[in-house]
Amino acid sequence: MTAIDTIMRTSPVIPVLTVEHVAHALPIAEALVRGGIRVLEVTLRTPAALDVIRAMKQVPGAIVGAGTVLNPTDLNQAIAAGAEFIVSPGLTPALGQAAVASGVPFLPGTANAADIMLGLDLGLKHFKFFPASTSGGLPALKALAAPFHMARFCPTGGISAATAKDWLNDPAVLCVGGSWLVPKGEPDPATIEAAARAAAALA
């Protein structure tokens, strides 16, 4: 079992976290882990993101990765900040080759057969399906999973607490990504922990 496979099987839902302030990092991560969600994806969409990764790694039990990794520079910065896995919205030869060479667990974004074939050429078998809801939804993923029976997916984009179970019931899906666990703004640890408990119960 590969490292990314293990990470994907650790939590049925990987929260996609866009954190504006480093001060919010610990309360968010602690609440998620208390609720049973240990795999945390911090998107590189804010100036604070790399410091947020460093802060969240202090939380016992948390497995902290970087999302919205677009190129080898992002990749190297995320690894230097301590990211334990890497998620990208798409897959390019440059990013894919750099990620594979680094040895970091890597979950590249794919939306069609060509994307998946590029990943397979790089030796990858685990992919994000993104943006899931606008790329044909579950019927599209089922259609892609048929010829690529060796691949496993983490659908992300437009998935909600109400629809996550439908995706997770598909045998090609190991987990889903979702932003609903942590609303934007000042974090409310009790609300986040409750959302995490509900998400963990989807396993």
C-alpha atoms as a PDB file:
ATOM      1  CA  MET A   1       0.000   0.000   0.000  1.00  0.00           C
ATOM      2  CA  THR A   2       1.445   3.377  -0.984  1.00  0.00           C
ATOM      3  CA  ALA A   3       1.699   6.320   1.376  1.00  0.00           C
ATOM      4  CA  ILE A   4      -0.945   8.316  -0.493  1.00  0.00           C
ATOM      5  CA  ASP A   5      -3.265   5.292  -0.402  1.00  0.00           C
ATOM      6  CA  THR A   6      -2.852   5.101   3.380  1.00  0.00           C
ATOM      7  CA  ILE A   7      -3.492   8.824   3.777  1.00  0.00           C
ATOM      8  CA  MET A   8      -6.634   8.666   1.628  1.00  0.00           C
ATOM      9  CA  ARG A   9      -7.970   5.751   3.691  1.00  0.00           C
ATOM     10  CA  THR A  10      -7.341   7.558   6.994  1.00  0.00           C
ATOM     11  CA  SER A  11     -10.274   9.985   6.700  1.00  0.00           C
ATOM     12  CA  PRO A  12     -13.410   9.629   4.560  1.00  0.00           C
ATOM     13  CA  VAL A  13     -13.404  13.405   4.126  1.00  0.00           C
ATOM     14  CA  ILE A  14     -10.316  15.562   3.618  1.00  0.00           C
ATOM     15  CA  PRO A  15     -11.194  19.132   4.605  1.00  0.00           C
ATOM     16  CA  VAL A  16     -10.033  21.681   2.034  1.00  0.00           C
ATOM     17  CA  LEU A  17      -8.836  24.563   4.195  1.00  0.00           C
ATOM     18  CA  THR A  18      -8.302  28.130   3.020  1.00  0.00           C
ATOM     19  CA  VAL A  19      -6.982  29.839   6.146  1.00  0.00           C
ATOM     20  CA  GLU A  20      -6.410  33.589   6.119  1.00  0.00           C
ATOM     21  CA  HIS A  21      -4.744  33.977   9.520  1.00  0.00           C
ATOM     22  CA  VAL A  22      -2.073  31.870  11.234  1.00  0.00           C
ATOM     23  CA  ALA A  23      -3.857  32.432  14.557  1.00  0.00           C
ATOM     24  CA  HIS A  24      -6.754  30.324  13.230  1.00  0.00           C
ATOM     25  CA  ALA A  25      -4.546  27.333  12.383  1.00  0.00           C
ATOM     26  CA  LEU A  26      -4.369  25.600  15.758  1.00  0.00           C
ATOM     27  CA  PRO A  27      -8.058  25.997  16.727  1.00  0.00           C
ATOM     28  CA  ILE A  28      -9.146  24.620  13.353  1.00  0.00           C
ATOM     29  CA  ALA A  29      -6.728  21.685  13.333  1.00  0.00           C
ATOM     30  CA  GLU A  30      -7.394  20.764  16.960  1.00  0.00           C
ATOM     31  CA  ALA A  31     -11.170  20.792  16.425  1.00  0.00           C
ATOM     32  CA  LEU A  32     -10.932  18.634  13.288  1.00  0.00           C
ATOM     33  CA  VAL A  33      -8.662  16.069  14.946  1.00  0.00           C
ATOM     34  CA  ARG A  34     -10.894  15.931  18.044  1.00  0.00           C
ATOM     35  CA  GLY A  35     -13.790  15.192  15.719  1.00  0.00           C
ATOM     36  CA  GLY A  36     -11.927  12.309  14.100  1.00  0.00           C
ATOM     37  CA  ILE A  37     -10.693  14.006  10.907  1.00  0.00           C
ATOM     38  CA  ARG A  38      -6.885  13.803  10.869  1.00  0.00           C
ATOM     39  CA  VAL A  39      -5.976  14.485   7.228  1.00  0.00           C
ATOM     40  CA  LEU A  40      -5.923  18.240   6.586  1.00  0.00           C
ATOM     41  CA  GLU A  41      -5.339  19.932   3.226  1.00  0.00           C
ATOM     42  CA  VAL A  42      -4.176  23.538   3.535  1.00  0.00           C
ATOM     43  CA  THR A  43      -4.594  25.320   0.211  1.00  0.00           C
ATOM     44  CA  LEU A  44      -1.843  27.643  -0.963  1.00  0.00           C
ATOM     45  CA  ARG A  45      -4.395  30.366  -1.687  1.00  0.00           C
ATOM     46  CA  THR A  46      -3.449  32.793   1.073  1.00  0.00           C
ATOM     47  CA  PRO A  47      -0.186  34.479   2.087  1.00  0.00           C
ATOM     48  CA  ALA A  48      -0.426  32.699   5.447  1.00  0.00           C
ATOM     49  CA  ALA A  49      -0.711  29.163   3.997  1.00  0.00           C
ATOM     50  CA  LEU A  50       2.858  27.952   4.541  1.00  0.00           C
ATOM     51  CA  ASP A  51       2.880  29.235   8.121  1.00  0.00           C
ATOM     52  CA  VAL A  52      -0.524  27.604   8.658  1.00  0.00           C
ATOM     53  CA  ILE A  53       0.965  24.257   7.587  1.00  0.00           C
ATOM     54  CA  ARG A  54       3.828  24.704  10.059  1.00  0.00           C
ATOM     55  CA  ALA A  55       1.386  25.547  12.855  1.00  0.00           C
ATOM     56  CA  MET A  56      -1.057  22.714  12.167  1.00  0.00           C
ATOM     57  CA  LYS A  57       1.768  20.165  12.184  1.00  0.00           C
ATOM     58  CA  GLN A  58       2.106  20.844  15.919  1.00  0.00           C
ATOM     59  CA  VAL A  59      -1.276  19.173  16.547  1.00  0.00           C
ATOM     60  CA  PRO A  60      -0.798  15.527  17.631  1.00  0.00           C
ATOM     61  CA  GLY A  61      -2.404  13.127  15.180  1.00  0.00           C
ATOM     62  CA  ALA A  62      -2.782  15.647  12.358  1.00  0.00           C
ATOM     63  CA  ILE A  63      -1.541  14.704   8.877  1.00  0.00           C
ATOM     64  CA  VAL A  64      -1.056  18.068   7.178  1.00  0.00           C
ATOM     65  CA  GLY A  65      -0.686  18.511   3.433  1.00  0.00           C
ATOM     66  CA  ALA A  66      -0.671  21.336   0.910  1.00  0.00           C
ATOM     67  CA  GLY A  67      -3.306  21.887  -1.757  1.00  0.00           C
ATOM     68  CA  THR A  68      -3.529  24.183  -4.782  1.00  0.00           C
ATOM     69  CA  VAL A  69       0.075  23.264  -5.624  1.00  0.00           C
ATOM     70  CA  LEU A  70       0.497  24.511  -9.184  1.00  0.00           C
ATOM     71  CA  ASN A  71       4.185  24.081 -10.093  1.00  0.00           C
ATOM     72  CA  PRO A  72       7.537  22.783  -8.830  1.00  0.00           C
ATOM     73  CA  THR A  73       8.183  26.037  -6.927  1.00  0.00           C
ATOM     74  CA  ASP A  74       4.955  25.609  -4.951  1.00  0.00           C
ATOM     75  CA  LEU A  75       5.869  21.975  -4.404  1.00  0.00           C
ATOM     76  CA  ASN A  76       9.291  22.764  -2.969  1.00  0.00           C
ATOM     77  CA  GLN A  77       7.957  25.514  -0.719  1.00  0.00           C
ATOM     78  CA  ALA A  78       5.221  23.234   0.619  1.00  0.00           C
ATOM     79  CA  ILE A  79       7.660  20.408   1.339  1.00  0.00           C
ATOM     80  CA  ALA A  80      10.019  22.860   3.066  1.00  0.00           C
ATOM     81  CA  ALA A  81       7.098  23.975   5.255  1.00  0.00           C
ATOM     82  CA  GLY A  82       6.574  20.363   6.306  1.00  0.00           C
ATOM     83  CA  ALA A  83       3.675  19.304   4.079  1.00  0.00           C
ATOM     84  CA  GLU A  84       3.217  15.541   4.409  1.00  0.00           C
ATOM     85  CA  PHE A  85       1.302  15.196   1.152  1.00  0.00           C
ATOM     86  CA  ILE A  86       0.656  17.333  -1.922  1.00  0.00           C
ATOM     87  CA  VAL A  87      -2.610  17.980  -3.774  1.00  0.00           C
ATOM     88  CA  SER A  88      -2.864  19.819  -7.088  1.00  0.00           C
ATOM     89  CA  PRO A  89      -5.908  20.974  -9.071  1.00  0.00           C
ATOM     90  CA  GLY A  90      -4.440  19.573 -12.291  1.00  0.00           C
ATOM     91  CA  LEU A  91      -1.475  17.607 -13.597  1.00  0.00           C
ATOM     92  CA  THR A  92       1.374  18.859 -15.785  1.00  0.00           C
ATOM     93  CA  PRO A  93       4.478  16.906 -16.769  1.00  0.00           C
ATOM     94  CA  ALA A  94       6.715  19.387 -14.898  1.00  0.00           C
ATOM     95  CA  LEU A  95       4.786  19.201 -11.635  1.00  0.00           C
ATOM     96  CA  GLY A  96       4.208  15.461 -11.892  1.00  0.00           C
ATOM     97  CA  GLN A  97       7.867  14.675 -12.539  1.00  0.00           C
ATOM     98  CA  ALA A  98       8.999  16.949  -9.695  1.00  0.00           C
ATOM     99  CA  ALA A  99       6.517  15.428  -7.259  1.00  0.00           C
ATOM    100  CA  VAL A 100       7.449  11.861  -8.159  1.00  0.00           C
ATOM    101  CA  ALA A 101      11.167  12.683  -7.890  1.00  0.00           C
ATOM    102  CA  SER A 102      10.629  14.220  -4.441  1.00  0.00           C
ATOM    103  CA  GLY A 103       8.992  11.062  -3.104  1.00  0.00           C
ATOM    104  CA  VAL A 104       6.216  13.047  -1.396  1.00  0.00           C
ATOM    105  CA  PRO A 105       2.747  11.444  -1.399  1.00  0.00           C
ATOM    106  CA  PHE A 106       1.040  13.166  -4.341  1.00  0.00           C
ATOM    107  CA  LEU A 107      -2.635  13.486  -5.291  1.00  0.00           C
ATOM    108  CA  PRO A 108      -2.877  15.267  -8.648  1.00  0.00           C
ATOM    109  CA  GLY A 109      -6.081  16.699 -10.032  1.00  0.00           C
ATOM    110  CA  THR A 110      -7.670  14.969 -13.020  1.00  0.00           C
ATOM    111  CA  ALA A 111     -10.891  15.629 -14.907  1.00  0.00           C
ATOM    112  CA  ASN A 112     -10.677  13.353 -17.944  1.00  0.00           C
ATOM    113  CA  ALA A 113      -9.059  10.262 -19.423  1.00  0.00           C
ATOM    114  CA  ALA A 114      -6.006  12.113 -20.763  1.00  0.00           C
ATOM    115  CA  ASP A 115      -5.205  13.488 -17.297  1.00  0.00           C
ATOM    116  CA  ILE A 116      -5.389  10.011 -15.773  1.00  0.00           C
ATOM    117  CA  MET A 117      -3.236   8.530 -18.546  1.00  0.00           C
ATOM    118  CA  LEU A 118      -0.584  11.184 -17.926  1.00  0.00           C
ATOM    119  CA  GLY A 119      -0.616  10.236 -14.259  1.00  0.00           C
ATOM    120  CA  LEU A 120      -0.352   6.536 -15.014  1.00  0.00           C
ATOM    121  CA  ASP A 121       2.630   7.262 -17.277  1.00  0.00           C
ATOM    122  CA  LEU A 122       4.288   8.871 -14.246  1.00  0.00           C
ATOM    123  CA  GLY A 123       3.595   5.786 -12.128  1.00  0.00           C
ATOM    124  CA  LEU A 124       0.658   7.330 -10.241  1.00  0.00           C
ATOM    125  CA  LYS A 125      -2.579   5.504  -9.440  1.00  0.00           C
ATOM    126  CA  HIS A 126      -4.276   7.885  -6.986  1.00  0.00           C
ATOM    127  CA  PHE A 127      -5.970  11.015  -8.241  1.00  0.00           C
ATOM    128  CA  LYS A 128      -8.178  13.894  -7.237  1.00  0.00           C
ATOM    129  CA  PHE A 129     -11.253  14.150  -9.481  1.00  0.00           C
ATOM    130  CA  PHE A 130     -11.718  17.903  -9.832  1.00  0.00           C
ATOM    131  CA  PRO A 131     -13.918  19.851 -10.136  1.00  0.00           C
ATOM    132  CA  ALA A 132     -16.142  16.884  -9.378  1.00  0.00           C
ATOM    133  CA  SER A 133     -19.630  18.343  -9.585  1.00  0.00           C
ATOM    134  CA  THR A 134     -19.034  20.314 -12.797  1.00  0.00           C
ATOM    135  CA  SER A 135     -16.955  17.629 -14.535  1.00  0.00           C
ATOM    136  CA  GLY A 136     -19.921  15.324 -14.932  1.00  0.00           C
ATOM    137  CA  GLY A 137     -20.406  14.320 -11.312  1.00  0.00           C
ATOM    138  CA  LEU A 138     -20.595  10.731 -10.155  1.00  0.00           C
ATOM    139  CA  PRO A 139     -21.719   9.357 -13.552  1.00  0.00           C
ATOM    140  CA  ALA A 140     -18.555  10.776 -15.147  1.00  0.00           C
ATOM    141  CA  LEU A 141     -16.337   9.289 -12.458  1.00  0.00           C
ATOM    142  CA  LYS A 142     -17.999   5.889 -12.842  1.00  0.00           C
ATOM    143  CA  ALA A 143     -17.379   6.059 -16.593  1.00  0.00           C
ATOM    144  CA  LEU A 144     -13.696   6.946 -16.084  1.00  0.00           C
ATOM    145  CA  ALA A 145     -13.183   4.316 -13.387  1.00  0.00           C
ATOM    146  CA  ALA A 146     -14.246   1.516 -15.730  1.00  0.00           C
ATOM    147  CA  PRO A 147     -11.244   1.611 -18.121  1.00  0.00           C
ATOM    148  CA  PHE A 148      -8.927   2.841 -15.362  1.00  0.00           C
ATOM    149  CA  HIS A 149      -9.884   0.117 -12.896  1.00  0.00           C
ATOM    150  CA  MET A 150      -6.480   0.367 -11.167  1.00  0.00           C
ATOM    151  CA  ALA A 151      -7.032   4.018 -10.231  1.00  0.00           C
ATOM    152  CA  ARG A 152      -8.503   5.341  -6.992  1.00  0.00           C
ATOM    153  CA  PHE A 153      -9.988   8.794  -6.518  1.00  0.00           C
ATOM    154  CA  CYS A 154     -10.697  11.638  -4.123  1.00  0.00           C
ATOM    155  CA  PRO A 155     -13.508  13.668  -5.729  1.00  0.00           C
ATOM    156  CA  THR A 156     -13.365  17.340  -4.737  1.00  0.00           C
ATOM    157  CA  GLY A 157     -15.344  20.403  -5.787  1.00  0.00           C
ATOM    158  CA  GLY A 158     -19.019  20.959  -5.140  1.00  0.00           C
ATOM    159  CA  ILE A 159     -19.360  18.021  -2.736  1.00  0.00           C
ATOM    160  CA  SER A 160     -21.413  18.643   0.398  1.00  0.00           C
ATOM    161  CA  ALA A 161     -22.288  16.873   3.629  1.00  0.00           C
ATOM    162  CA  ALA A 162     -25.508  15.785   1.903  1.00  0.00           C
ATOM    163  CA  THR A 163     -23.839  14.260  -1.175  1.00  0.00           C
ATOM    164  CA  ALA A 164     -20.564  12.905   0.245  1.00  0.00           C
ATOM    165  CA  LYS A 165     -22.001   9.473   1.076  1.00  0.00           C
ATOM    166  CA  ASP A 166     -23.132   8.917  -2.520  1.00  0.00           C
ATOM    167  CA  TRP A 167     -19.557   9.434  -3.723  1.00  0.00           C
ATOM    168  CA  LEU A 168     -18.039   7.334  -0.930  1.00  0.00           C
ATOM    169  CA  ASN A 169     -20.286   4.401  -1.855  1.00  0.00           C
ATOM    170  CA  ASP A 170     -18.453   4.072  -5.184  1.00  0.00           C
ATOM    171  CA  PRO A 171     -15.676   1.446  -4.965  1.00  0.00           C
ATOM    172  CA  ALA A 172     -13.232   3.662  -6.900  1.00  0.00           C
ATOM    173  CA  VAL A 173     -13.544   6.433  -4.288  1.00  0.00           C
ATOM    174  CA  LEU A 174     -11.352   6.256  -1.175  1.00  0.00           C
ATOM    175  CA  CYS A 175     -12.299   9.671   0.231  1.00  0.00           C
ATOM    176  CA  VAL A 176     -13.770  13.004  -0.787  1.00  0.00           C
ATOM    177  CA  GLY A 177     -12.513  16.553  -0.394  1.00  0.00           C
ATOM    178  CA  GLY A 178     -14.794  19.189   1.034  1.00  0.00           C
ATOM    179  CA  SER A 179     -14.756  22.772   2.245  1.00  0.00           C
ATOM    180  CA  TRP A 180     -17.982  22.538   4.245  1.00  0.00           C
ATOM    181  CA  LEU A 181     -16.323  21.400   7.490  1.00  0.00           C
ATOM    182  CA  VAL A 182     -14.698  24.769   8.175  1.00  0.00           C
ATOM    183  CA  PRO A 183     -16.645  27.894   7.171  1.00  0.00           C
ATOM    184  CA  LYS A 184     -14.689  31.041   6.341  1.00  0.00           C
ATOM    185  CA  GLY A 185     -14.067  33.625   9.033  1.00  0.00           C
ATOM    186  CA  GLU A 186     -13.376  33.294  12.737  1.00  0.00           C
ATOM    187  CA  PRO A 187     -13.307  29.578  13.557  1.00  0.00           C
ATOM    188  CA  ASP A 188     -15.909  28.138  15.931  1.00  0.00           C
ATOM    189  CA  PRO A 189     -14.189  25.031  17.345  1.00  0.00           C
ATOM    190  CA  ALA A 190     -17.414  23.425  18.628  1.00  0.00           C
ATOM    191  CA  THR A 191     -19.112  23.735  15.233  1.00  0.00           C
ATOM    192  CA  ILE A 192     -16.027  22.467  13.418  1.00  0.00           C
ATOM    193  CA  GLU A 193     -15.682  19.496  15.765  1.00  0.00           C
ATOM    194  CA  ALA A 194     -19.345  18.571  15.265  1.00  0.00           C
ATOM    195  CA  ALA A 195     -18.959  18.755  11.480  1.00  0.00           C
ATOM    196  CA  ALA A 196     -15.841  16.622  11.716  1.00  0.00           C
ATOM    197  CA  ARG A 197     -17.631  13.972  13.806  1.00  0.00           C
ATOM    198  CA  ALA A 198     -20.401  13.793  11.219  1.00  0.00           C
ATOM    199  CA  ALA A 199     -17.848  13.507   8.410  1.00  0.00           C
ATOM    200  CA  ALA A 200     -15.837  10.824  10.200  1.00  0.00           C
ATOM    201  CA  ALA A 201     -19.038   8.817  10.672  1.00  0.00           C
ATOM    202  CA  LEU A 202     -19.347   8.522   6.870  1.00  0.00           C
ATOM    203  CA  ALA A 203     -16.536   5.943   6.858  1.00  0.00           C
END
